[in-house]
N, C-alpha and C. Protein backbone atom coordinates (compact mmCIF):
# COMPACT_ATOMS: atom_id res chain seq x y z
N ALA A 1 -1.26 1.33 11.12
CA ALA A 1 -1.05 2.15 9.95
C ALA A 1 -1.99 1.67 8.85
N ALA A 2 -2.32 2.55 7.95
CA ALA A 2 -3.14 2.20 6.80
C ALA A 2 -2.46 2.69 5.54
N SER A 3 -2.50 1.89 4.50
CA SER A 3 -1.89 2.24 3.24
C SER A 3 -2.78 1.69 2.13
N ALA A 4 -2.63 2.20 0.93
CA ALA A 4 -3.51 1.81 -0.17
C ALA A 4 -2.78 0.94 -1.18
N PHE A 5 -3.52 0.00 -1.77
CA PHE A 5 -2.98 -0.78 -2.88
C PHE A 5 -3.55 -0.30 -4.20
N LYS A 6 -4.59 0.56 -4.15
CA LYS A 6 -5.18 1.13 -5.36
C LYS A 6 -6.01 2.34 -4.99
N GLY A 7 -6.25 3.20 -5.96
CA GLY A 7 -7.22 4.28 -5.82
C GLY A 7 -6.78 5.53 -5.11
N ALA A 8 -5.55 5.61 -4.65
CA ALA A 8 -5.14 6.77 -3.86
C ALA A 8 -4.24 7.73 -4.63
N THR A 9 -4.19 7.60 -5.94
CA THR A 9 -3.26 8.42 -6.71
C THR A 9 -3.94 9.39 -7.66
N GLY A 10 -5.24 9.38 -7.72
CA GLY A 10 -5.95 10.32 -8.58
C GLY A 10 -7.30 9.79 -8.99
N PRO A 11 -8.28 10.67 -9.10
CA PRO A 11 -9.64 10.23 -9.39
C PRO A 11 -9.84 9.71 -10.81
N SER A 12 -8.90 9.96 -11.71
CA SER A 12 -9.09 9.51 -13.10
C SER A 12 -8.17 8.35 -13.48
N GLN A 13 -7.52 7.74 -12.50
CA GLN A 13 -6.64 6.60 -12.79
C GLN A 13 -7.46 5.39 -13.22
N ALA A 14 -6.97 4.64 -14.18
CA ALA A 14 -7.64 3.41 -14.61
C ALA A 14 -6.90 2.18 -14.09
N VAL A 15 -5.58 2.26 -13.99
CA VAL A 15 -4.75 1.15 -13.53
C VAL A 15 -3.85 1.67 -12.42
N PRO A 16 -3.76 0.95 -11.30
CA PRO A 16 -2.92 1.42 -10.19
C PRO A 16 -1.44 1.44 -10.56
N PRO A 17 -0.71 2.48 -10.16
CA PRO A 17 0.74 2.49 -10.33
C PRO A 17 1.38 1.65 -9.22
N VAL A 18 1.68 0.42 -9.52
CA VAL A 18 2.13 -0.55 -8.51
C VAL A 18 3.38 -0.06 -7.79
N GLU A 19 4.36 0.45 -8.53
CA GLU A 19 5.60 0.92 -7.89
C GLU A 19 5.32 1.99 -6.84
N HIS A 20 4.41 2.89 -7.13
CA HIS A 20 4.04 3.94 -6.17
C HIS A 20 3.55 3.33 -4.86
N HIS A 21 2.67 2.35 -4.96
CA HIS A 21 2.10 1.72 -3.77
C HIS A 21 3.15 0.90 -3.01
N LEU A 22 4.03 0.22 -3.73
CA LEU A 22 5.09 -0.53 -3.06
C LEU A 22 6.03 0.40 -2.30
N ARG A 23 6.40 1.53 -2.93
CA ARG A 23 7.26 2.50 -2.23
C ARG A 23 6.58 3.03 -0.97
N ASN A 24 5.27 3.26 -1.05
CA ASN A 24 4.55 3.76 0.11
C ASN A 24 4.57 2.74 1.26
N HIS A 25 4.40 1.48 0.94
CA HIS A 25 4.45 0.44 1.98
C HIS A 25 5.84 0.37 2.60
N VAL A 26 6.87 0.44 1.77
CA VAL A 26 8.24 0.42 2.28
C VAL A 26 8.48 1.60 3.22
N GLN A 27 7.99 2.77 2.85
CA GLN A 27 8.16 3.94 3.71
C GLN A 27 7.45 3.75 5.05
N TRP A 28 6.24 3.20 5.03
CA TRP A 28 5.54 2.94 6.29
C TRP A 28 6.31 1.94 7.14
N LEU A 29 6.87 0.91 6.53
CA LEU A 29 7.63 -0.07 7.28
C LEU A 29 8.91 0.53 7.86
N GLN A 30 9.52 1.46 7.13
CA GLN A 30 10.71 2.14 7.66
C GLN A 30 10.34 2.99 8.86
N VAL A 31 9.21 3.68 8.79
CA VAL A 31 8.75 4.48 9.93
C VAL A 31 8.50 3.56 11.12
N ALA A 32 7.84 2.45 10.88
CA ALA A 32 7.55 1.50 11.96
C ALA A 32 8.83 0.93 12.55
N GLY A 33 9.81 0.67 11.69
CA GLY A 33 11.08 0.10 12.16
C GLY A 33 11.93 1.08 12.94
N SER A 34 11.66 2.37 12.81
CA SER A 34 12.46 3.36 13.52
C SER A 34 11.92 3.67 14.91
N GLY A 35 10.75 3.16 15.23
CA GLY A 35 10.14 3.42 16.53
C GLY A 35 10.28 2.23 17.47
N PRO A 36 9.59 2.29 18.60
CA PRO A 36 9.61 1.15 19.52
C PRO A 36 9.08 -0.11 18.83
N THR A 37 9.58 -1.27 19.25
CA THR A 37 9.25 -2.54 18.61
C THR A 37 7.76 -2.80 18.50
N ASP A 38 7.00 -2.43 19.51
CA ASP A 38 5.57 -2.74 19.51
C ASP A 38 4.71 -1.55 19.07
N SER A 39 5.31 -0.55 18.43
CA SER A 39 4.54 0.64 18.07
C SER A 39 3.59 0.39 16.90
N LEU A 40 3.91 -0.54 16.02
CA LEU A 40 3.04 -0.85 14.88
C LEU A 40 2.45 -2.24 15.09
N GLN A 41 1.16 -2.30 15.22
CA GLN A 41 0.47 -3.58 15.44
C GLN A 41 0.13 -4.27 14.12
N GLY A 42 0.03 -3.51 13.04
CA GLY A 42 -0.30 -4.07 11.74
C GLY A 42 -0.51 -2.99 10.70
N ILE A 43 -0.74 -3.42 9.48
CA ILE A 43 -1.00 -2.51 8.38
C ILE A 43 -2.32 -2.91 7.72
N ILE A 44 -3.16 -1.94 7.51
CA ILE A 44 -4.44 -2.17 6.83
C ILE A 44 -4.27 -1.71 5.39
N LEU A 45 -4.57 -2.61 4.45
CA LEU A 45 -4.51 -2.24 3.04
C LEU A 45 -5.88 -1.75 2.60
N THR A 46 -5.91 -0.56 2.05
CA THR A 46 -7.18 -0.03 1.56
C THR A 46 -7.15 0.01 0.04
N GLY A 47 -8.32 -0.03 -0.56
CA GLY A 47 -8.45 0.06 -2.00
C GLY A 47 -9.58 1.02 -2.33
N TRP A 48 -9.24 2.27 -2.50
CA TRP A 48 -10.25 3.30 -2.74
C TRP A 48 -11.02 3.00 -4.01
N GLN A 49 -12.31 3.19 -3.96
CA GLN A 49 -13.16 3.03 -5.14
C GLN A 49 -13.48 4.38 -5.78
N ARG A 50 -13.59 5.42 -4.97
CA ARG A 50 -13.88 6.75 -5.50
C ARG A 50 -13.44 7.79 -4.47
N TYR A 51 -13.31 9.02 -4.92
CA TYR A 51 -12.84 10.10 -4.07
C TYR A 51 -13.95 10.77 -3.28
N ASP A 52 -15.15 10.76 -3.81
CA ASP A 52 -16.31 11.21 -3.06
C ASP A 52 -17.54 10.52 -3.63
N HIS A 53 -18.64 10.67 -2.98
CA HIS A 53 -19.85 9.93 -3.34
C HIS A 53 -20.32 10.20 -4.77
N TYR A 54 -20.05 11.38 -5.28
CA TYR A 54 -20.53 11.75 -6.61
C TYR A 54 -19.52 11.49 -7.73
N SER A 55 -18.35 11.00 -7.37
CA SER A 55 -17.32 10.73 -8.38
C SER A 55 -17.56 9.39 -9.06
N VAL A 56 -16.99 9.27 -10.24
CA VAL A 56 -17.03 7.97 -10.92
C VAL A 56 -16.04 7.03 -10.23
N LEU A 57 -16.22 5.75 -10.45
CA LEU A 57 -15.30 4.77 -9.87
C LEU A 57 -13.92 4.90 -10.50
N CYS A 58 -12.90 4.69 -9.71
CA CYS A 58 -11.54 4.73 -10.21
C CYS A 58 -10.85 3.40 -9.89
N GLU A 59 -9.95 2.98 -10.76
CA GLU A 59 -9.17 1.77 -10.54
C GLU A 59 -10.03 0.63 -10.02
N LEU A 60 -10.86 0.07 -10.86
CA LEU A 60 -11.75 -1.01 -10.46
C LEU A 60 -10.96 -2.20 -9.91
N LEU A 61 -11.59 -2.99 -9.06
CA LEU A 61 -10.90 -4.07 -8.38
C LEU A 61 -10.19 -5.03 -9.33
N PRO A 62 -10.78 -5.48 -10.43
CA PRO A 62 -10.03 -6.38 -11.31
C PRO A 62 -8.69 -5.79 -11.77
N ALA A 63 -8.65 -4.50 -12.04
CA ALA A 63 -7.40 -3.86 -12.44
C ALA A 63 -6.45 -3.71 -11.26
N GLY A 64 -6.98 -3.72 -10.03
CA GLY A 64 -6.16 -3.55 -8.84
C GLY A 64 -5.62 -4.83 -8.24
N VAL A 65 -6.08 -5.99 -8.70
CA VAL A 65 -5.64 -7.26 -8.11
C VAL A 65 -4.13 -7.47 -8.24
N PRO A 66 -3.50 -7.19 -9.39
CA PRO A 66 -2.03 -7.34 -9.43
C PRO A 66 -1.31 -6.44 -8.41
N SER A 67 -1.81 -5.23 -8.20
CA SER A 67 -1.21 -4.35 -7.20
C SER A 67 -1.41 -4.91 -5.80
N LEU A 68 -2.59 -5.42 -5.52
CA LEU A 68 -2.86 -6.04 -4.21
C LEU A 68 -1.93 -7.21 -3.98
N ALA A 69 -1.75 -8.05 -4.99
CA ALA A 69 -0.86 -9.21 -4.85
C ALA A 69 0.58 -8.78 -4.58
N ALA A 70 1.06 -7.78 -5.32
CA ALA A 70 2.43 -7.30 -5.13
C ALA A 70 2.61 -6.69 -3.75
N CYS A 71 1.63 -5.91 -3.31
CA CYS A 71 1.72 -5.28 -1.98
C CYS A 71 1.70 -6.32 -0.87
N LEU A 72 0.82 -7.31 -0.99
CA LEU A 72 0.77 -8.37 0.01
C LEU A 72 2.07 -9.16 0.04
N GLN A 73 2.61 -9.46 -1.13
CA GLN A 73 3.88 -10.19 -1.20
C GLN A 73 4.99 -9.41 -0.51
N LEU A 74 5.07 -8.11 -0.77
CA LEU A 74 6.08 -7.28 -0.13
C LEU A 74 5.91 -7.29 1.38
N LEU A 75 4.71 -7.07 1.85
CA LEU A 75 4.47 -6.99 3.29
C LEU A 75 4.70 -8.33 3.98
N LEU A 76 4.40 -9.43 3.31
CA LEU A 76 4.62 -10.74 3.91
C LEU A 76 6.09 -11.11 3.97
N ARG A 77 6.88 -10.62 3.05
CA ARG A 77 8.31 -10.97 3.01
C ARG A 77 9.18 -10.10 3.89
N VAL A 78 8.68 -8.97 4.28
CA VAL A 78 9.50 -8.03 5.05
C VAL A 78 9.44 -8.38 6.53
N SER A 79 10.59 -8.34 7.16
CA SER A 79 10.65 -8.55 8.60
C SER A 79 11.37 -7.35 9.22
N LEU A 80 10.71 -6.69 10.16
CA LEU A 80 11.32 -5.51 10.79
C LEU A 80 12.54 -5.88 11.63
N ALA A 81 12.68 -7.14 11.98
CA ALA A 81 13.79 -7.57 12.84
C ALA A 81 15.10 -7.73 12.06
N HIS A 82 15.07 -7.60 10.74
CA HIS A 82 16.26 -7.86 9.94
C HIS A 82 16.88 -6.59 9.37
N GLY A 83 16.91 -5.53 10.12
CA GLY A 83 17.62 -4.33 9.71
C GLY A 83 16.80 -3.46 8.77
N PRO A 84 17.48 -2.56 8.06
CA PRO A 84 16.78 -1.62 7.21
C PRO A 84 16.04 -2.33 6.08
N ILE A 85 14.93 -1.74 5.69
CA ILE A 85 14.10 -2.32 4.65
C ILE A 85 14.50 -1.68 3.33
N ARG A 86 14.72 -2.50 2.33
CA ARG A 86 15.09 -2.01 1.02
C ARG A 86 14.02 -2.43 0.02
N HIS A 87 13.77 -1.56 -0.95
CA HIS A 87 12.79 -1.86 -1.98
C HIS A 87 13.35 -2.96 -2.86
N PRO A 88 12.52 -3.99 -3.18
CA PRO A 88 13.02 -5.11 -4.00
C PRO A 88 13.36 -4.68 -5.41
């Protein structure tokens, strides 16, 4: 599965909406937890820089680092073996 920690919420965003990205990760983990145990091999975190080649940059990496840290912390703490996943 692939999910974003920044840049996937609009071309004019300056700061990533962290809660939005955390909810998206939780939803992906719930989908993975509802299938066969080995159906999800991992999650790739993406950080979009722009929507197309001619667009301006959105959510620059320095502004996205707190979102990346929160997303990584969530994904590292969650275990699919411990029942339903709840948003912290």
